[in-house]
Amino acid sequence: MITSETARGIALAYRDIEAAEKLLSEIVEAMGRRSAPDIRDAFGRHANGLELGVPSGDSMRRLFNVPWALAKPIIEAHIAEQRAIIAALSEKARREIDD
């Protein structure tokens, strides 16, 4: 049987891929039109770029308005990393089933 930890890891990686691919497609489409993506924050304000960081706590560190042109390779790398995680966890799940 697959452990809940393995299943959760796979599910979270798939969720990240879906969100990242949606964001990536919006960025690529807008860049093709030579405009900024129409991406808004929770308050409806237009986002001028990607926000990166640890959002809260004593160790809060954030970068604001990371340009969309830089966001594209970052998102692509994140998608590739999540796919690698899925591959590794899928192999782990196969071993868990066999045990």
N, C-alpha and C. Protein backbone atom coordinates (compact mmCIF):
# COMPACT_ATOMS: atom_id res chain seq x y z
N MET A 1 0.84 -1.17 0.00
CA MET A 1 0.00 0.00 0.00
C MET A 1 0.89 1.25 0.00
N ILE A 2 0.46 2.28 -0.72
CA ILE A 2 1.20 3.54 -0.78
C ILE A 2 0.94 4.33 0.50
N THR A 3 1.99 4.91 1.06
CA THR A 3 1.81 5.70 2.28
C THR A 3 1.12 7.03 1.94
N SER A 4 0.47 7.58 2.93
CA SER A 4 -0.20 8.87 2.73
C SER A 4 0.81 9.96 2.42
N GLU A 5 2.00 9.84 2.99
CA GLU A 5 3.05 10.83 2.71
C GLU A 5 3.43 10.83 1.24
N THR A 6 3.59 9.64 0.65
CA THR A 6 3.94 9.54 -0.77
C THR A 6 2.81 10.07 -1.63
N ALA A 7 1.59 9.66 -1.31
CA ALA A 7 0.43 10.12 -2.09
C ALA A 7 0.28 11.64 -2.00
N ARG A 8 0.46 12.19 -0.81
CA ARG A 8 0.35 13.64 -0.62
C ARG A 8 1.43 14.37 -1.42
N GLY A 9 2.64 13.86 -1.40
CA GLY A 9 3.73 14.47 -2.16
C GLY A 9 3.44 14.50 -3.65
N ILE A 10 2.91 13.40 -4.17
CA ILE A 10 2.54 13.34 -5.59
C ILE A 10 1.43 14.34 -5.89
N ALA A 11 0.41 14.36 -5.05
CA ALA A 11 -0.72 15.28 -5.27
C ALA A 11 -0.27 16.74 -5.22
N LEU A 12 0.57 17.09 -4.27
CA LEU A 12 1.04 18.47 -4.16
C LEU A 12 1.88 18.87 -5.36
N ALA A 13 2.71 17.95 -5.85
CA ALA A 13 3.53 18.25 -7.03
C ALA A 13 2.65 18.46 -8.26
N TYR A 14 1.63 17.62 -8.43
CA TYR A 14 0.69 17.81 -9.54
C TYR A 14 -0.04 19.14 -9.43
N ARG A 15 -0.44 19.51 -8.21
CA ARG A 15 -1.13 20.78 -8.00
C ARG A 15 -0.23 21.95 -8.39
N ASP A 16 1.04 21.88 -7.99
CA ASP A 16 1.98 22.94 -8.34
C ASP A 16 2.18 23.03 -9.85
N ILE A 17 2.27 21.89 -10.51
CA ILE A 17 2.45 21.89 -11.96
C ILE A 17 1.25 22.54 -12.64
N GLU A 18 0.04 22.18 -12.22
CA GLU A 18 -1.15 22.77 -12.83
C GLU A 18 -1.17 24.28 -12.66
N ALA A 19 -0.88 24.77 -11.46
CA ALA A 19 -0.88 26.21 -11.21
C ALA A 19 0.23 26.90 -12.00
N ALA A 20 1.40 26.30 -12.03
CA ALA A 20 2.54 26.89 -12.73
C ALA A 20 2.31 26.92 -14.24
N GLU A 21 1.73 25.85 -14.79
CA GLU A 21 1.48 25.83 -16.23
C GLU A 21 0.44 26.88 -16.62
N LYS A 22 -0.56 27.09 -15.79
CA LYS A 22 -1.56 28.12 -16.07
C LYS A 22 -0.90 29.50 -16.05
N LEU A 23 -0.11 29.78 -15.02
CA LEU A 23 0.59 31.05 -14.94
C LEU A 23 1.55 31.23 -16.10
N LEU A 24 2.28 30.19 -16.44
CA LEU A 24 3.23 30.24 -17.54
C LEU A 24 2.53 30.56 -18.86
N SER A 25 1.39 29.93 -19.11
CA SER A 25 0.69 30.18 -20.37
C SER A 25 0.21 31.64 -20.44
N GLU A 26 -0.23 32.20 -19.32
CA GLU A 26 -0.65 33.60 -19.30
C GLU A 26 0.54 34.52 -19.57
N ILE A 27 1.69 34.20 -19.00
CA ILE A 27 2.88 35.02 -19.20
C ILE A 27 3.35 34.95 -20.64
N VAL A 28 3.42 33.74 -21.19
CA VAL A 28 3.89 33.56 -22.57
C VAL A 28 2.95 34.26 -23.55
N GLU A 29 1.65 34.12 -23.33
CA GLU A 29 0.68 34.77 -24.21
C GLU A 29 0.85 36.29 -24.18
N ALA A 30 0.97 36.85 -22.99
CA ALA A 30 1.13 38.31 -22.86
C ALA A 30 2.45 38.77 -23.47
N MET A 31 3.52 38.01 -23.25
CA MET A 31 4.81 38.39 -23.81
C MET A 31 4.75 38.37 -25.33
N GLY A 32 3.97 37.44 -25.89
CA GLY A 32 3.79 37.38 -27.33
C GLY A 32 3.10 38.62 -27.87
N ARG A 33 2.26 39.23 -27.07
CA ARG A 33 1.57 40.47 -27.44
C ARG A 33 2.37 41.69 -27.02
N ARG A 34 3.53 41.45 -26.42
CA ARG A 34 4.39 42.53 -25.90
C ARG A 34 3.67 43.39 -24.88
N SER A 35 2.94 42.70 -23.99
CA SER A 35 2.24 43.39 -22.91
C SER A 35 2.44 42.61 -21.62
N ALA A 36 2.03 43.22 -20.52
CA ALA A 36 2.12 42.55 -19.22
C ALA A 36 0.89 41.67 -19.04
N PRO A 37 1.05 40.51 -18.41
CA PRO A 37 -0.10 39.66 -18.14
C PRO A 37 -1.10 40.37 -17.24
N ASP A 38 -2.38 40.10 -17.45
CA ASP A 38 -3.41 40.70 -16.60
C ASP A 38 -3.63 39.77 -15.41
N ILE A 39 -2.68 39.83 -14.48
CA ILE A 39 -2.72 39.01 -13.27
C ILE A 39 -2.90 39.97 -12.11
N ARG A 40 -3.88 39.66 -11.27
CA ARG A 40 -4.22 40.58 -10.18
C ARG A 40 -4.07 39.88 -8.83
N ASP A 41 -3.81 40.68 -7.80
CA ASP A 41 -3.70 40.14 -6.46
C ASP A 41 -5.08 39.95 -5.85
N ALA A 42 -5.12 39.54 -4.60
CA ALA A 42 -6.39 39.26 -3.92
C ALA A 42 -7.28 40.50 -3.80
N PHE A 43 -6.70 41.68 -3.94
CA PHE A 43 -7.46 42.92 -3.83
C PHE A 43 -7.84 43.50 -5.19
N GLY A 44 -7.51 42.76 -6.26
CA GLY A 44 -7.86 43.20 -7.60
C GLY A 44 -6.85 44.15 -8.23
N ARG A 45 -5.72 44.36 -7.54
CA ARG A 45 -4.70 45.24 -8.09
C ARG A 45 -3.86 44.49 -9.11
N HIS A 46 -3.50 45.17 -10.18
CA HIS A 46 -2.69 44.59 -11.23
C HIS A 46 -1.29 44.28 -10.70
N ALA A 47 -0.81 43.06 -10.93
CA ALA A 47 0.54 42.67 -10.50
C ALA A 47 1.53 43.05 -11.60
N ASN A 48 2.59 43.73 -11.21
CA ASN A 48 3.61 44.16 -12.17
C ASN A 48 4.71 43.13 -12.36
N GLY A 49 4.62 42.04 -11.65
CA GLY A 49 5.62 40.99 -11.74
C GLY A 49 5.34 39.92 -10.72
N LEU A 50 6.20 38.96 -10.69
CA LEU A 50 6.07 37.83 -9.78
C LEU A 50 6.58 38.21 -8.40
N GLU A 51 6.00 37.64 -7.37
CA GLU A 51 6.47 37.84 -6.00
C GLU A 51 7.08 36.52 -5.55
N LEU A 52 8.29 36.58 -5.04
CA LEU A 52 8.99 35.39 -4.56
C LEU A 52 9.36 35.58 -3.11
N GLY A 53 9.31 34.51 -2.33
CA GLY A 53 9.81 34.62 -0.98
C GLY A 53 9.07 33.79 0.03
N VAL A 54 9.49 33.94 1.26
CA VAL A 54 8.85 33.33 2.41
C VAL A 54 7.88 34.39 2.92
N PRO A 55 6.57 34.14 2.84
CA PRO A 55 5.62 35.23 3.04
C PRO A 55 5.39 35.71 4.46
N SER A 56 5.74 34.97 5.48
CA SER A 56 5.41 35.44 6.82
C SER A 56 6.40 34.92 7.86
N GLY A 57 6.25 35.43 9.07
CA GLY A 57 7.10 34.99 10.17
C GLY A 57 8.30 35.89 10.36
N ASP A 58 9.10 35.53 11.35
CA ASP A 58 10.30 36.32 11.66
C ASP A 58 11.34 36.26 10.54
N SER A 59 11.30 35.19 9.75
CA SER A 59 12.28 35.03 8.68
C SER A 59 11.73 35.50 7.33
N MET A 60 10.75 36.39 7.35
CA MET A 60 10.11 36.85 6.13
C MET A 60 11.14 37.50 5.20
N ARG A 61 11.15 37.01 3.98
CA ARG A 61 12.01 37.57 2.94
C ARG A 61 11.21 37.52 1.65
N ARG A 62 11.03 38.64 1.00
CA ARG A 62 10.26 38.66 -0.24
C ARG A 62 10.90 39.58 -1.26
N LEU A 63 10.75 39.17 -2.50
CA LEU A 63 11.13 40.00 -3.64
C LEU A 63 9.84 40.36 -4.34
N PHE A 64 9.64 41.62 -4.60
CA PHE A 64 8.43 42.08 -5.27
C PHE A 64 8.75 42.47 -6.71
N ASN A 65 7.75 42.33 -7.54
CA ASN A 65 7.83 42.77 -8.94
C ASN A 65 9.00 42.19 -9.71
N VAL A 66 9.24 40.88 -9.51
CA VAL A 66 10.24 40.19 -10.33
C VAL A 66 9.70 40.24 -11.76
N PRO A 67 10.47 40.78 -12.70
CA PRO A 67 9.96 40.96 -14.07
C PRO A 67 9.43 39.66 -14.67
N TRP A 68 8.37 39.81 -15.47
CA TRP A 68 7.75 38.64 -16.09
C TRP A 68 8.73 37.87 -16.95
N ALA A 69 9.67 38.56 -17.60
CA ALA A 69 10.67 37.87 -18.43
C ALA A 69 11.55 36.96 -17.58
N LEU A 70 11.81 37.33 -16.32
CA LEU A 70 12.57 36.47 -15.42
C LEU A 70 11.69 35.39 -14.81
N ALA A 71 10.41 35.70 -14.66
CA ALA A 71 9.48 34.74 -14.08
C ALA A 71 9.35 33.50 -14.96
N LYS A 72 9.38 33.69 -16.28
CA LYS A 72 9.19 32.56 -17.20
C LYS A 72 10.19 31.44 -16.95
N PRO A 73 11.52 31.68 -16.97
CA PRO A 73 12.45 30.56 -16.72
C PRO A 73 12.35 30.01 -15.30
N ILE A 74 11.99 30.86 -14.34
CA ILE A 74 11.82 30.37 -12.97
C ILE A 74 10.67 29.38 -12.92
N ILE A 75 9.56 29.72 -13.53
CA ILE A 75 8.38 28.84 -13.54
C ILE A 75 8.68 27.56 -14.30
N GLU A 76 9.36 27.68 -15.43
CA GLU A 76 9.72 26.49 -16.21
C GLU A 76 10.61 25.55 -15.40
N ALA A 77 11.56 26.11 -14.66
CA ALA A 77 12.43 25.29 -13.82
C ALA A 77 11.63 24.64 -12.70
N HIS A 78 10.68 25.37 -12.14
CA HIS A 78 9.83 24.81 -11.07
C HIS A 78 9.01 23.64 -11.60
N ILE A 79 8.45 23.79 -12.79
CA ILE A 79 7.67 22.70 -13.39
C ILE A 79 8.57 21.48 -13.59
N ALA A 80 9.77 21.67 -14.10
CA ALA A 80 10.69 20.55 -14.31
C ALA A 80 11.03 19.87 -12.99
N GLU A 81 11.25 20.66 -11.95
CA GLU A 81 11.58 20.08 -10.64
C GLU A 81 10.40 19.28 -10.09
N GLN A 82 9.19 19.79 -10.25
CA GLN A 82 8.01 19.07 -9.75
C GLN A 82 7.80 17.77 -10.52
N ARG A 83 8.08 17.78 -11.81
CA ARG A 83 7.98 16.54 -12.60
C ARG A 83 9.00 15.52 -12.13
N ALA A 84 10.19 15.98 -11.78
CA ALA A 84 11.21 15.07 -11.24
C ALA A 84 10.77 14.50 -9.90
N ILE A 85 10.13 15.32 -9.09
CA ILE A 85 9.62 14.86 -7.80
C ILE A 85 8.55 13.79 -8.01
N ILE A 86 7.67 14.03 -8.97
CA ILE A 86 6.62 13.03 -9.27
C ILE A 86 7.25 11.73 -9.72
N ALA A 87 8.26 11.80 -10.58
CA ALA A 87 8.93 10.58 -11.05
C ALA A 87 9.55 9.82 -9.88
N ALA A 88 10.23 10.53 -8.99
CA ALA A 88 10.87 9.88 -7.85
C ALA A 88 9.83 9.28 -6.90
N LEU A 89 8.77 10.03 -6.63
CA LEU A 89 7.73 9.52 -5.73
C LEU A 89 6.93 8.39 -6.36
N SER A 90 6.79 8.41 -7.67
CA SER A 90 6.11 7.30 -8.35
C SER A 90 6.90 6.01 -8.20
N GLU A 91 8.22 6.13 -8.31
CA GLU A 91 9.08 4.96 -8.11
C GLU A 91 8.98 4.48 -6.66
N LYS A 92 8.96 5.43 -5.73
CA LYS A 92 8.79 5.07 -4.33
C LYS A 92 7.46 4.37 -4.10
N ALA A 93 6.41 4.87 -4.74
CA ALA A 93 5.08 4.25 -4.62
C ALA A 93 5.10 2.82 -5.16
N ARG A 94 5.80 2.59 -6.27
CA ARG A 94 5.90 1.23 -6.81
C ARG A 94 6.57 0.29 -5.79
N ARG A 95 7.62 0.80 -5.15
CA ARG A 95 8.31 -0.02 -4.13
C ARG A 95 7.39 -0.28 -2.94
N GLU A 96 6.61 0.72 -2.55
CA GLU A 96 5.70 0.55 -1.42
C GLU A 96 4.64 -0.48 -1.75
N ILE A 97 4.17 -0.51 -2.98
CA ILE A 97 3.16 -1.48 -3.38
C ILE A 97 3.76 -2.89 -3.36
N ASP A 98 5.00 -3.01 -3.79
CA ASP A 98 5.66 -4.32 -3.86
C ASP A 98 6.01 -4.88 -2.48
N ASP A 99 6.19 -4.00 -1.51
CA ASP A 99 6.57 -4.46 -0.16
C ASP A 99 5.43 -5.07 0.59
